[in-house]
Amino acid sequence: MAHLVAAVDASTDEEASSDAASRWFEYPAYVFDRLDAEDRHRLADLFRDAAMKEPEGTWRNALLKVPDGFGLTEDED
């Protein structure tokens, strides 16, 4: 997942259109949306823990973007 975030983040408009990027993220978003709140928070924590083990840079930043970008940190109403 973080590889996908990093690839899209680093891509130019010629390499990845917004339509293509949206299609790349549809299935992970679909799966993450079906997790209950506890599992979403647990997965978000795993991404953050993994990020903090990485040196500062593109890879760490990509890992840190995943939880918010996929709504893993949003509480259910």
N, C-alpha and C. Protein backbone atom coordinates (compact mmCIF):
# COMPACT_ATOMS: atom_id res chain seq x y z
N MET A 1 0.81 -1.18 0.00
CA MET A 1 0.00 0.00 0.00
C MET A 1 0.86 1.26 0.00
N ALA A 2 1.84 1.28 0.86
CA ALA A 2 2.69 2.47 0.92
C ALA A 2 3.47 2.66 -0.37
N HIS A 3 3.83 1.53 -1.03
CA HIS A 3 4.49 1.64 -2.34
C HIS A 3 3.59 2.38 -3.32
N LEU A 4 2.31 2.09 -3.28
CA LEU A 4 1.35 2.74 -4.16
C LEU A 4 1.25 4.22 -3.83
N VAL A 5 1.18 4.56 -2.55
CA VAL A 5 1.13 5.97 -2.15
C VAL A 5 2.37 6.70 -2.63
N ALA A 6 3.53 6.11 -2.42
CA ALA A 6 4.78 6.74 -2.84
C ALA A 6 4.83 6.91 -4.35
N ALA A 7 4.38 5.89 -5.09
CA ALA A 7 4.40 5.97 -6.56
C ALA A 7 3.50 7.07 -7.06
N VAL A 8 2.31 7.17 -6.53
CA VAL A 8 1.38 8.22 -6.97
C VAL A 8 1.89 9.59 -6.56
N ASP A 9 2.41 9.70 -5.35
CA ASP A 9 2.91 10.97 -4.85
C ASP A 9 4.08 11.48 -5.68
N ALA A 10 4.91 10.57 -6.16
CA ALA A 10 6.10 10.94 -6.91
C ALA A 10 5.87 11.01 -8.42
N SER A 11 4.70 10.63 -8.89
CA SER A 11 4.41 10.60 -10.32
C SER A 11 4.08 11.98 -10.85
N THR A 12 4.45 12.17 -12.10
CA THR A 12 4.06 13.40 -12.79
C THR A 12 2.70 13.17 -13.43
N ASP A 13 2.08 14.24 -13.91
CA ASP A 13 0.78 14.13 -14.57
C ASP A 13 0.84 13.20 -15.78
N GLU A 14 1.99 13.17 -16.47
CA GLU A 14 2.13 12.32 -17.64
C GLU A 14 2.19 10.84 -17.23
N GLU A 15 2.72 10.56 -16.06
CA GLU A 15 2.89 9.18 -15.62
C GLU A 15 1.62 8.59 -15.02
N ALA A 16 0.88 9.41 -14.31
CA ALA A 16 -0.33 8.90 -13.64
C ALA A 16 -1.38 10.01 -13.58
N SER A 17 -2.40 9.84 -14.37
CA SER A 17 -3.49 10.82 -14.34
C SER A 17 -4.26 10.66 -13.04
N SER A 18 -5.03 11.65 -12.68
CA SER A 18 -5.84 11.54 -11.46
C SER A 18 -6.85 10.41 -11.58
N ASP A 19 -7.33 10.15 -12.79
CA ASP A 19 -8.26 9.03 -13.00
C ASP A 19 -7.57 7.69 -12.74
N ALA A 20 -6.35 7.56 -13.24
CA ALA A 20 -5.61 6.31 -13.03
C ALA A 20 -5.30 6.12 -11.54
N ALA A 21 -4.88 7.17 -10.88
CA ALA A 21 -4.57 7.07 -9.45
C ALA A 21 -5.81 6.69 -8.66
N SER A 22 -6.94 7.25 -9.02
CA SER A 22 -8.19 6.90 -8.33
C SER A 22 -8.51 5.43 -8.49
N ARG A 23 -8.30 4.90 -9.69
CA ARG A 23 -8.57 3.47 -9.92
C ARG A 23 -7.61 2.59 -9.11
N TRP A 24 -6.35 3.02 -8.99
CA TRP A 24 -5.38 2.24 -8.22
C TRP A 24 -5.80 2.10 -6.76
N PHE A 25 -6.45 3.12 -6.23
CA PHE A 25 -6.80 3.14 -4.81
C PHE A 25 -8.19 2.60 -4.50
N GLU A 26 -8.98 2.30 -5.51
CA GLU A 26 -10.37 1.87 -5.26
C GLU A 26 -10.46 0.60 -4.41
N TYR A 27 -9.72 -0.44 -4.76
CA TYR A 27 -9.86 -1.69 -4.02
C TYR A 27 -9.35 -1.58 -2.58
N PRO A 28 -8.15 -1.02 -2.34
CA PRO A 28 -7.74 -0.87 -0.94
C PRO A 28 -8.74 -0.04 -0.13
N ALA A 29 -9.28 1.01 -0.72
CA ALA A 29 -10.28 1.83 -0.01
C ALA A 29 -11.52 1.00 0.29
N TYR A 30 -11.93 0.19 -0.65
CA TYR A 30 -13.09 -0.69 -0.46
C TYR A 30 -12.86 -1.64 0.72
N VAL A 31 -11.69 -2.26 0.76
CA VAL A 31 -11.37 -3.20 1.83
C VAL A 31 -11.28 -2.48 3.18
N PHE A 32 -10.56 -1.37 3.21
CA PHE A 32 -10.39 -0.63 4.47
C PHE A 32 -11.72 -0.13 5.00
N ASP A 33 -12.62 0.23 4.11
CA ASP A 33 -13.92 0.75 4.52
C ASP A 33 -14.75 -0.32 5.25
N ARG A 34 -14.47 -1.58 4.99
CA ARG A 34 -15.24 -2.66 5.60
C ARG A 34 -14.68 -3.13 6.95
N LEU A 35 -13.53 -2.58 7.34
CA LEU A 35 -12.97 -2.92 8.65
C LEU A 35 -13.75 -2.22 9.75
N ASP A 36 -13.87 -2.87 10.90
CA ASP A 36 -14.51 -2.18 12.02
C ASP A 36 -13.52 -1.17 12.59
N ALA A 37 -14.00 -0.29 13.46
CA ALA A 37 -13.19 0.82 13.98
C ALA A 37 -11.92 0.33 14.66
N GLU A 38 -12.03 -0.73 15.43
CA GLU A 38 -10.85 -1.25 16.14
C GLU A 38 -9.78 -1.74 15.16
N ASP A 39 -10.20 -2.45 14.13
CA ASP A 39 -9.24 -2.94 13.13
C ASP A 39 -8.64 -1.80 12.31
N ARG A 40 -9.45 -0.78 11.99
CA ARG A 40 -8.91 0.39 11.27
C ARG A 40 -7.84 1.07 12.11
N HIS A 41 -8.10 1.27 13.39
CA HIS A 41 -7.12 1.92 14.26
C HIS A 41 -5.86 1.07 14.42
N ARG A 42 -6.05 -0.24 14.52
CA ARG A 42 -4.90 -1.15 14.64
C ARG A 42 -4.05 -1.09 13.37
N LEU A 43 -4.68 -1.08 12.21
CA LEU A 43 -3.94 -0.99 10.95
C LEU A 43 -3.24 0.36 10.82
N ALA A 44 -3.91 1.43 11.21
CA ALA A 44 -3.29 2.76 11.19
C ALA A 44 -2.05 2.78 12.08
N ASP A 45 -2.14 2.18 13.25
CA ASP A 45 -0.99 2.12 14.15
C ASP A 45 0.17 1.34 13.53
N LEU A 46 -0.15 0.27 12.81
CA LEU A 46 0.90 -0.51 12.16
C LEU A 46 1.63 0.32 11.10
N PHE A 47 0.88 1.10 10.31
CA PHE A 47 1.51 1.97 9.32
C PHE A 47 2.40 3.01 10.00
N ARG A 48 1.91 3.62 11.09
CA ARG A 48 2.70 4.63 11.80
C ARG A 48 3.95 4.00 12.42
N ASP A 49 3.81 2.84 13.03
CA ASP A 49 4.97 2.16 13.62
C ASP A 49 6.01 1.84 12.56
N ALA A 50 5.55 1.35 11.42
CA ALA A 50 6.48 1.05 10.32
C ALA A 50 7.17 2.32 9.84
N ALA A 51 6.43 3.41 9.75
CA ALA A 51 7.00 4.67 9.29
C ALA A 51 8.10 5.16 10.22
N MET A 52 7.86 5.04 11.51
CA MET A 52 8.82 5.56 12.47
C MET A 52 10.11 4.73 12.52
N LYS A 53 10.11 3.56 11.94
CA LYS A 53 11.32 2.73 11.86
C LYS A 53 12.16 3.08 10.64
N GLU A 54 11.58 3.89 9.76
CA GLU A 54 12.27 4.27 8.52
C GLU A 54 12.98 5.60 8.71
N PRO A 55 14.07 5.82 7.97
CA PRO A 55 14.72 7.13 8.01
C PRO A 55 13.80 8.18 7.38
N GLU A 56 14.02 9.43 7.75
CA GLU A 56 13.20 10.49 7.17
C GLU A 56 13.36 10.48 5.65
N GLY A 57 12.25 10.74 4.97
CA GLY A 57 12.31 10.77 3.52
C GLY A 57 10.99 10.33 2.90
N THR A 58 11.03 10.05 1.62
CA THR A 58 9.84 9.74 0.84
C THR A 58 9.09 8.52 1.36
N TRP A 59 9.83 7.46 1.70
CA TRP A 59 9.17 6.23 2.13
C TRP A 59 8.46 6.45 3.45
N ARG A 60 9.10 7.10 4.41
CA ARG A 60 8.46 7.38 5.70
C ARG A 60 7.22 8.24 5.48
N ASN A 61 7.35 9.27 4.66
CA ASN A 61 6.21 10.15 4.40
C ASN A 61 5.04 9.40 3.77
N ALA A 62 5.34 8.47 2.86
CA ALA A 62 4.27 7.68 2.23
C ALA A 62 3.56 6.82 3.27
N LEU A 63 4.33 6.18 4.14
CA LEU A 63 3.72 5.36 5.19
C LEU A 63 2.84 6.19 6.11
N LEU A 64 3.27 7.39 6.43
CA LEU A 64 2.50 8.25 7.33
C LEU A 64 1.21 8.76 6.70
N LYS A 65 1.15 8.81 5.38
CA LYS A 65 -0.04 9.31 4.68
C LYS A 65 -1.15 8.26 4.56
N VAL A 66 -0.79 6.99 4.63
CA VAL A 66 -1.77 5.93 4.39
C VAL A 66 -2.97 5.99 5.33
N PRO A 67 -2.79 6.07 6.66
CA PRO A 67 -3.95 6.02 7.55
C PRO A 67 -4.97 7.14 7.29
N ASP A 68 -4.52 8.36 7.16
CA ASP A 68 -5.46 9.46 6.91
C ASP A 68 -6.05 9.38 5.51
N GLY A 69 -5.21 9.03 4.54
CA GLY A 69 -5.64 8.97 3.15
C GLY A 69 -6.73 7.93 2.90
N PHE A 70 -6.76 6.90 3.72
CA PHE A 70 -7.75 5.85 3.55
C PHE A 70 -8.81 5.86 4.64
N GLY A 71 -8.86 6.92 5.42
CA GLY A 71 -9.90 7.04 6.43
C GLY A 71 -9.76 6.07 7.59
N LEU A 72 -8.56 5.55 7.79
CA LEU A 72 -8.37 4.61 8.89
C LEU A 72 -8.45 5.28 10.24
N THR A 73 -8.23 6.59 10.27
CA THR A 73 -8.24 7.30 11.55
C THR A 73 -9.59 7.94 11.86
N GLU A 74 -10.51 7.85 10.92
CA GLU A 74 -11.85 8.43 11.15
C GLU A 74 -12.68 7.51 12.04
N ASP A 75 -13.34 8.09 13.02
CA ASP A 75 -14.22 7.30 13.88
C ASP A 75 -15.57 7.10 13.19
N GLU A 76 -16.16 5.94 13.45
CA GLU A 76 -17.49 5.67 12.91
C GLU A 76 -18.51 6.49 13.67
N ASP A 77 -19.53 6.94 12.97
CA ASP A 77 -20.61 7.69 13.61
C ASP A 77 -21.58 6.77 14.30
